């Protein structure tokens, strides 16, 4: 008996048993996927044991022909089911019942072979032989592994070929091992390749799920950080920014430079009441675009229904006087523009510059900007 083959099968069986036990621990797979991976690992271990015992019986005659027959029968029944289990473990659900039913036909054929020897038979010396209809077993295996290949292709498409190398590697191992065994029965590589395929697929499926989970988390984070209507930064993002600034004020107050421009839209309630909320939304978007156009180099936050804040640093901070003049020109021209109210981009604005000698937190600056904004709003109403 080849000791290398013995060690290989032992490693495969032990790996399958360990993974079957560990499948439900430290994993992000759902309960169904865990169940199917466990079934796959258990069947692969049983099949590998049957294959090994069959080869051992051929070479050493350690058991009676009847036991050898039963071992080979079990191996031939298990093999076609493994591909279906691998496919289901990978997330395929729609055609699994049909494929399981179809592979049950192979079991029927193997049962018939027990009495007729059409697929395989064990002679009186206890040696395995392929029967006249052995090709039927190969056909079932070929359909089974063709189905797995189809599932692998779907995985590749769904993952946008992100894991193409992994999928090609898994596919190559599965095909080479099983084709070699089908061509020459003395090459006992079938279950070894299946076990390796199951391990790599288990790792790949979890990797894909983790990537999808990270993408979902990042998407939800992006949604929470951006205002749904205007796509500028949201109130949540603004509060996070306040915390960041408060930390900087505590640690490096003297070196910090920033200013705030608080903007409050004019006449939004009138627009909503007179023209409807769709027009009100369009009004908000139009005003927001104007604010963003002015503060091109600064983050703009929507902190309320009609309130926006721009935080000025770097270039915009250096050019704050020019920006104040632009805002003043825009707000005056819009409030006096001769057009329907809904077409205006009218807002009041207040500026405040951080003063390290008096401001203890971000909100100290915000309060001054808020006060100036309301003074500006009074002035604009007078126009």
Protein backbone atom coordinates (compact mmCIF):
# COMPACT_ATOMS: atom_id res chain seq x y z
CA UNK A 1 0.00 0.00 0.00
CA UNK A 2 1.33 3.45 -0.96
CA UNK A 3 2.15 5.27 2.29
CA UNK A 4 1.94 8.68 0.60
CA UNK A 5 -1.64 7.92 -0.43
CA UNK A 6 -2.43 6.77 3.11
CA UNK A 7 -1.10 10.01 4.60
CA UNK A 8 -2.93 12.11 2.00
CA UNK A 9 -6.28 10.45 2.70
CA UNK A 10 -5.70 10.69 6.46
CA UNK A 11 -5.02 14.43 6.17
CA UNK A 12 -8.12 14.90 3.99
CA UNK A 13 -10.40 12.96 6.34
CA UNK A 14 -9.08 14.71 9.47
CA UNK A 15 -9.47 18.11 7.75
CA UNK A 16 -13.06 17.33 6.76
CA UNK A 17 -13.96 16.19 10.29
CA UNK A 18 -12.38 19.27 11.89
CA UNK A 19 -14.15 21.61 9.45
CA UNK A 20 -17.48 19.83 9.97
CA UNK A 21 -17.13 20.47 13.71
CA UNK A 22 -15.84 24.03 13.30
CA UNK A 23 -18.21 25.16 10.51
CA UNK A 24 -20.61 26.87 12.90
CA UNK A 25 -17.94 28.73 14.87
CA UNK A 26 -16.26 32.04 14.03
CA UNK A 27 -18.11 32.30 10.74
CA UNK A 28 -20.43 34.77 9.04
CA UNK A 29 -22.29 32.04 7.13
CA UNK A 30 -26.02 31.67 7.76
CA UNK A 31 -27.47 28.51 9.32
CA UNK A 32 -28.43 26.91 5.99
CA UNK A 33 -24.97 27.42 4.48
CA UNK A 34 -23.32 26.07 7.63
CA UNK A 35 -25.56 22.99 7.46
CA UNK A 36 -24.70 22.32 3.81
CA UNK A 37 -20.99 22.82 4.33
CA UNK A 38 -21.15 20.33 7.21
CA UNK A 39 -22.97 17.82 5.01
CA UNK A 40 -20.33 18.38 2.30
CA UNK A 41 -17.45 17.87 4.73
CA UNK A 42 -19.01 14.72 6.24
CA UNK A 43 -19.80 13.19 2.83
CA UNK A 44 -16.30 14.02 1.57
CA UNK A 45 -14.76 12.34 4.65
CA UNK A 46 -16.96 9.26 4.24
CA UNK A 47 -16.26 9.08 0.52
CA UNK A 48 -12.50 9.40 1.07
CA UNK A 49 -12.60 6.64 3.70
CA UNK A 50 -14.58 4.38 1.33
CA UNK A 51 -12.15 5.10 -1.53
CA UNK A 52 -9.18 4.29 0.69
CA UNK A 53 -10.73 1.09 2.04
CA UNK A 54 -11.61 0.04 -1.52
CA UNK A 55 -8.01 0.56 -2.68
CA UNK A 56 -6.75 -1.22 0.45
CA UNK A 57 -9.09 -4.17 -0.22
CA UNK A 58 -7.83 -4.37 -3.81
CA UNK A 59 -4.19 -4.48 -2.73
CA UNK A 60 -4.31 -6.48 0.51
CA UNK A 61 -7.58 -8.45 0.48
CA UNK A 62 -8.15 -7.35 4.08
CA UNK A 63 -11.93 -7.94 3.86
CA UNK A 64 -14.39 -10.27 2.15
CA UNK A 65 -15.65 -9.52 -1.41
CA UNK A 66 -19.10 -8.67 -0.02
CA UNK A 67 -17.70 -6.01 2.32
CA UNK A 68 -15.53 -4.69 -0.52
CA UNK A 69 -18.63 -4.55 -2.70
CA UNK A 70 -20.54 -2.56 -0.06
CA UNK A 71 -17.61 -0.14 0.45
CA UNK A 72 -17.38 0.56 -3.29
CA UNK A 73 -21.18 0.86 -3.54
CA UNK A 74 -21.14 3.51 -0.77
CA UNK A 75 -18.34 5.43 -2.52
CA UNK A 76 -20.16 5.40 -5.87
CA UNK A 77 -23.40 6.61 -4.23
CA UNK A 78 -21.71 9.47 -2.38
CA UNK A 79 -19.63 10.91 -5.21
CA UNK A 80 -22.35 12.52 -7.37
CA UNK A 81 -24.01 14.10 -4.34
CA UNK A 82 -20.84 15.95 -3.37
CA UNK A 83 -20.99 18.36 -6.30
CA UNK A 84 -24.59 19.25 -5.51
CA UNK A 85 -23.63 19.86 -1.87
CA UNK A 86 -20.72 22.06 -2.95
CA UNK A 87 -23.08 24.04 -5.20
CA UNK A 88 -25.62 24.51 -2.39
CA UNK A 89 -22.85 25.52 0.02
CA UNK A 90 -21.86 28.20 -2.49
CA UNK A 91 -25.33 29.76 -2.29
CA UNK A 92 -27.14 28.00 -5.17
CA UNK A 93 -30.74 27.26 -4.12
CA UNK A 94 -33.11 27.27 -7.10
CA UNK A 95 -32.17 23.99 -8.81
CA UNK A 96 -30.83 22.03 -5.84
CA UNK A 97 -33.91 19.86 -5.31
CA UNK A 98 -33.97 18.85 -8.96
CA UNK A 99 -30.25 17.99 -8.94
CA UNK A 100 -30.56 16.01 -5.71
CA UNK A 101 -33.44 14.08 -7.25
CA UNK A 102 -31.49 13.51 -10.45
CA UNK A 103 -28.45 12.23 -8.55
CA UNK A 104 -30.73 9.81 -6.69
CA UNK A 105 -31.12 8.01 -10.04
CA UNK A 106 -27.44 7.13 -9.72
CA UNK A 107 -28.17 5.45 -6.37
CA UNK A 108 -30.89 3.39 -8.08
CA UNK A 109 -28.42 2.35 -10.78
CA UNK A 110 -25.84 1.42 -8.13
CA UNK A 111 -28.42 -0.68 -6.26
CA UNK A 112 -29.17 -2.53 -9.52
CA UNK A 113 -25.43 -2.97 -9.99
CA UNK A 114 -25.21 -4.69 -6.59
CA UNK A 115 -27.15 -7.60 -8.11
CA UNK A 116 -26.02 -7.42 -11.75
CA UNK A 117 -22.53 -5.88 -11.72
CA UNK A 118 -23.35 -3.57 -14.63
CA UNK A 119 -21.49 -0.58 -13.14
CA UNK A 120 -18.81 -2.43 -11.16
CA UNK A 121 -18.25 -5.80 -9.60
CA UNK A 122 -15.87 -7.47 -7.18
CA UNK A 123 -14.55 -10.82 -8.34
CA UNK A 124 -14.05 -13.86 -6.15
CA UNK A 125 -10.50 -12.73 -5.38
CA UNK A 126 -11.83 -9.47 -3.98
CA UNK A 127 -10.57 -7.30 -6.86
CA UNK A 128 -12.58 -4.33 -8.19
CA UNK A 129 -13.57 -4.27 -11.88
CA UNK A 130 -15.45 -1.74 -13.97
CA UNK A 131 -18.68 -3.13 -15.38
CA UNK A 132 -20.10 -2.71 -18.89
CA UNK A 133 -22.21 0.30 -17.78
CA UNK A 134 -19.45 1.99 -15.77
CA UNK A 135 -19.82 4.95 -18.10
CA UNK A 136 -23.23 5.68 -16.53
CA UNK A 137 -21.48 6.46 -13.24
CA UNK A 138 -19.03 8.72 -15.04
CA UNK A 139 -21.92 10.50 -16.78
CA UNK A 140 -23.60 11.23 -13.44
CA UNK A 141 -20.28 12.53 -12.07
CA UNK A 142 -19.70 14.62 -15.20
CA UNK A 143 -23.17 16.22 -14.95
CA UNK A 144 -22.61 16.81 -11.26
CA UNK A 145 -19.29 18.55 -11.71
CA UNK A 146 -20.57 20.42 -14.76
CA UNK A 147 -23.25 21.79 -12.45
CA UNK A 148 -20.58 22.83 -9.94
CA UNK A 149 -18.64 24.58 -12.70
CA UNK A 150 -21.80 26.47 -13.66
CA UNK A 151 -22.18 27.59 -10.04
CA UNK A 152 -18.53 28.69 -9.94
CA UNK A 153 -19.10 30.77 -13.09
CA UNK A 154 -22.11 32.41 -11.40
CA UNK A 155 -19.98 33.19 -8.35
CA UNK A 156 -17.41 34.80 -10.62
CA UNK A 157 -20.05 36.91 -12.38
CA UNK A 158 -21.73 37.99 -9.15
CA UNK A 159 -18.40 38.97 -7.61
CA UNK A 160 -17.54 40.92 -10.82
CA UNK A 161 -14.55 38.61 -11.41
CA UNK A 162 -12.97 39.98 -8.22
CA UNK A 163 -12.09 36.43 -7.17
CA UNK A 164 -11.35 35.05 -10.64
CA UNK A 165 -7.94 33.59 -9.69
CA UNK A 166 -9.42 31.86 -6.61
CA UNK A 167 -12.26 30.38 -8.66
CA UNK A 168 -9.92 29.21 -11.44
CA UNK A 169 -7.66 27.57 -8.85
CA UNK A 170 -10.56 25.75 -7.17
CA UNK A 171 -11.99 24.69 -10.54
CA UNK A 172 -8.64 23.42 -11.80
CA UNK A 173 -8.06 21.30 -8.69
CA UNK A 174 -11.52 19.78 -8.93
CA UNK A 175 -11.36 19.04 -12.67
CA UNK A 176 -7.79 17.68 -12.82
CA UNK A 177 -8.26 15.41 -9.81
CA UNK A 178 -11.54 13.90 -10.96
CA UNK A 179 -10.71 13.64 -14.67
CA UNK A 180 -7.45 11.83 -13.85
CA UNK A 181 -9.34 9.38 -11.64
CA UNK A 182 -12.03 8.84 -14.29
CA UNK A 183 -9.45 8.10 -17.03
CA UNK A 184 -7.30 5.82 -14.90
CA UNK A 185 -8.85 4.19 -11.86
CA UNK A 186 -5.42 3.55 -10.39
CA UNK A 187 -4.95 7.32 -9.94
CA UNK A 188 -6.76 7.82 -6.65
CA UNK A 189 -7.07 11.59 -6.79
CA UNK A 190 -10.86 11.99 -6.86
CA UNK A 191 -11.67 12.49 -3.20
CA UNK A 192 -8.40 14.23 -2.47
CA UNK A 193 -9.31 16.93 -5.01
CA UNK A 194 -12.87 17.11 -3.68
CA UNK A 195 -11.63 17.66 -0.11
CA UNK A 196 -9.22 20.40 -1.21
CA UNK A 197 -12.01 21.97 -3.30
CA UNK A 198 -14.37 21.95 -0.29
CA UNK A 199 -11.76 23.63 1.94
CA UNK A 200 -10.90 26.35 -0.60
CA UNK A 201 -14.57 26.94 -1.40
CA UNK A 202 -15.38 27.27 2.31
CA UNK A 203 -12.70 29.96 2.61
CA UNK A 204 -13.74 31.70 -0.62
CA UNK A 205 -17.45 31.89 0.23
CA UNK A 206 -16.67 33.47 3.60
CA UNK A 207 -14.24 35.91 1.95
CA UNK A 208 -16.93 36.96 -0.53
CA UNK A 209 -19.51 37.36 2.25
CA UNK A 210 -17.09 39.44 4.33
CA UNK A 211 -16.42 41.68 1.34
CA UNK A 212 -20.16 42.12 0.74
CA UNK A 213 -20.66 42.89 4.43
CA UNK A 214 -17.90 45.53 4.36
CA UNK A 215 -19.41 47.06 1.21
CA UNK A 216 -22.84 47.16 2.88
CA UNK A 217 -21.40 48.76 6.03
CA UNK A 218 -19.54 51.36 3.96
CA UNK A 219 -22.68 52.05 1.93
CA UNK A 220 -24.76 52.53 5.08
CA UNK A 221 -22.03 54.72 6.55
CA UNK A 222 -22.02 56.81 3.38
CA UNK A 223 -25.82 57.11 3.52
CA UNK A 224 -25.71 58.25 7.15
CA UNK A 225 -22.92 60.74 6.41
CA UNK A 226 -24.70 62.37 3.46
CA UNK A 227 -28.01 64.16 3.27
CA UNK A 228 -30.44 62.15 1.13
CA UNK A 229 -31.93 65.19 -0.65
CA UNK A 230 -28.94 67.41 -1.35
CA UNK A 231 -26.06 64.87 -1.08
CA UNK A 232 -24.00 67.29 1.03
CA UNK A 233 -22.74 66.10 4.42
CA UNK A 234 -25.44 65.20 6.93
CA UNK A 235 -26.22 66.21 10.51
CA UNK A 236 -24.59 62.96 11.71
CA UNK A 237 -21.41 63.84 9.87
CA UNK A 238 -21.56 67.40 11.26
CA UNK A 239 -21.79 66.15 14.85
CA UNK A 240 -18.80 63.88 14.22
CA UNK A 241 -16.92 66.88 12.85
CA UNK A 242 -17.78 68.90 15.97
CA UNK A 243 -16.27 66.16 18.15
CA UNK A 244 -13.11 66.17 16.01
CA UNK A 245 -12.77 69.95 16.30
CA UNK A 246 -13.38 69.87 20.05
CA UNK A 247 -10.52 67.37 20.42
CA UNK A 248 -8.24 69.60 18.34
CA UNK A 249 -9.25 72.68 20.35
CA UNK A 250 -8.34 70.80 23.56
CA UNK A 251 -4.97 69.60 22.25
CA UNK A 252 -3.75 72.31 19.86
CA UNK A 253 -5.90 75.39 20.38
CA UNK A 254 -3.29 77.96 19.38
CA UNK A 255 -2.37 76.40 16.03
CA UNK A 256 -5.93 75.69 14.88
CA UNK A 257 -7.46 77.92 12.22
CA UNK A 258 -11.02 77.67 10.95
CA UNK A 259 -14.16 79.71 10.41
CA UNK A 260 -17.84 78.90 10.12
CA UNK A 261 -20.49 80.17 7.76
CA UNK A 262 -24.02 79.31 8.87
CA UNK A 263 -26.73 79.66 6.24
CA UNK A 264 -30.49 79.66 6.76
CA UNK A 265 -32.84 79.52 3.76
CA UNK A 266 -35.36 82.32 3.41
CA UNK A 267 -39.07 81.70 2.87
CA UNK A 268 -38.92 77.88 2.71
CA UNK A 269 -42.22 77.55 4.62
CA UNK A 270 -43.94 79.93 2.19
CA UNK A 271 -42.60 77.95 -0.78
CA UNK A 272 -43.81 74.67 0.74
CA UNK A 273 -47.26 76.06 1.60
CA UNK A 274 -47.76 77.89 -1.71
CA UNK A 275 -46.14 75.57 -4.25
CA UNK A 276 -46.00 72.17 -2.52
CA UNK A 277 -43.23 70.13 -0.96
CA UNK A 278 -41.79 68.99 -4.30
CA UNK A 279 -41.15 72.61 -5.15
CA UNK A 280 -39.83 73.09 -1.61
CA UNK A 281 -37.34 70.26 -2.18
CA UNK A 282 -36.25 71.82 -5.48
CA UNK A 283 -35.84 75.15 -3.67
CA UNK A 284 -33.61 73.51 -1.02
CA UNK A 285 -31.50 71.81 -3.69
CA UNK A 286 -31.12 75.07 -5.65
CA UNK A 287 -30.05 77.06 -2.58
CA UNK A 288 -27.68 74.26 -1.52
CA UNK A 289 -26.02 74.27 -4.94
CA UNK A 290 -25.45 78.02 -4.69
CA UNK A 291 -23.88 77.61 -1.22
CA UNK A 292 -21.66 74.79 -2.47
CA UNK A 293 -20.61 76.83 -5.51
CA UNK A 294 -19.46 79.63 -3.21
CA UNK A 295 -17.60 77.35 -0.80
CA UNK A 296 -16.02 75.06 -3.38
CA UNK A 297 -13.08 74.13 -1.17
CA UNK A 298 -14.98 73.62 2.10
CA UNK A 299 -17.26 70.87 3.40
CA UNK A 300 -20.94 71.88 3.48
CA UNK A 301 -23.34 70.25 5.95
CA UNK A 302 -27.12 70.24 6.02
CA UNK A 303 -27.84 70.41 9.75
CA UNK A 304 -31.59 71.02 9.57
CA UNK A 305 -34.46 71.35 7.13
CA UNK A 306 -33.39 74.82 5.98
CA UNK A 307 -30.01 75.17 7.71
CA UNK A 308 -26.56 74.64 6.20
CA UNK A 309 -23.07 75.11 7.61
CA UNK A 310 -19.77 75.49 5.75
CA UNK A 311 -16.54 74.98 7.67
CA UNK A 312 -13.76 77.09 6.19
CA UNK A 313 -10.13 76.01 6.41
CA UNK A 314 -6.98 76.41 4.31
CA UNK A 315 -7.66 78.43 1.09
CA UNK A 316 -11.24 79.37 1.99
CA UNK A 317 -10.09 80.44 5.45
CA UNK A 318 -7.37 82.61 3.92
CA UNK A 319 -9.89 84.18 1.54
CA UNK A 320 -12.72 84.61 4.03
CA UNK A 321 -13.18 88.35 3.38
CA UNK A 322 -13.60 87.73 -0.34
CA UNK A 323 -16.11 84.94 0.39
CA UNK A 324 -18.04 87.23 2.76
CA UNK A 325 -18.37 89.74 -0.05
CA UNK A 326 -19.53 87.07 -2.51
CA UNK A 327 -22.13 85.81 -0.03
CA UNK A 328 -23.33 89.36 0.65
CA UNK A 329 -23.66 90.09 -3.09
CA UNK A 330 -25.51 86.81 -3.74
CA UNK A 331 -27.92 87.11 -0.80
CA UNK A 332 -28.80 90.73 -1.65
CA UNK A 333 -29.30 90.02 -5.36
CA UNK A 334 -31.43 86.93 -4.73
CA UNK A 335 -33.71 88.58 -2.15
CA UNK A 336 -34.42 91.46 -4.51
CA UNK A 337 -34.54 89.46 -7.76
CA UNK A 338 -37.70 90.04 -9.80
CA UNK A 339 -38.90 86.47 -10.24
CA UNK A 340 -41.26 83.98 -8.56
CA UNK A 341 -40.23 83.15 -4.99
CA UNK A 342 -39.74 79.48 -5.85
CA UNK A 343 -37.06 80.37 -8.43
CA UNK A 344 -34.86 82.31 -6.00
CA UNK A 345 -31.81 80.95 -4.18
CA UNK A 346 -32.35 83.11 -1.12
CA UNK A 347 -30.62 82.55 2.19
CA UNK A 348 -29.19 84.48 5.12
CA UNK A 349 -25.61 83.89 6.24
CA UNK A 350 -23.47 84.53 9.29
CA UNK A 351 -19.71 84.14 9.66
CA UNK A 352 -17.56 83.52 12.74
CA UNK A 353 -13.79 82.96 13.00
CA UNK A 354 -12.35 80.69 15.69
CA UNK A 355 -10.53 82.69 18.38
CA UNK A 356 -8.15 80.56 20.46
CA UNK A 357 -8.18 83.11 23.30
CA UNK A 358 -11.91 82.98 23.93
CA UNK A 359 -13.44 79.92 22.20
CA UNK A 360 -13.36 76.79 24.35
CA UNK A 361 -15.27 74.57 21.94
CA UNK A 362 -16.71 74.47 18.43
CA UNK A 363 -20.15 75.58 19.62
CA UNK A 364 -18.70 78.86 20.93
CA UNK A 365 -17.82 79.73 17.33
CA UNK A 366 -21.16 78.38 16.12
CA UNK A 367 -23.10 80.66 18.45
CA UNK A 368 -21.44 83.76 17.03
CA UNK A 369 -22.11 82.61 13.48
CA UNK A 370 -25.73 81.95 14.44
CA UNK A 371 -26.12 85.44 15.92
CA UNK A 372 -24.65 87.09 12.83
CA UNK A 373 -26.84 84.97 10.57
CA UNK A 374 -30.02 86.19 12.30
CA UNK A 375 -28.83 89.81 12.04
CA UNK A 376 -28.26 89.20 8.33
CA UNK A 377 -31.73 87.71 7.98
CA UNK A 378 -33.30 90.84 9.52
CA UNK A 379 -31.35 93.02 7.15
CA UNK A 380 -32.41 90.97 4.11
CA UNK A 381 -36.08 91.12 5.15
CA UNK A 382 -35.84 94.87 5.26
CA UNK A 383 -34.86 94.84 1.61
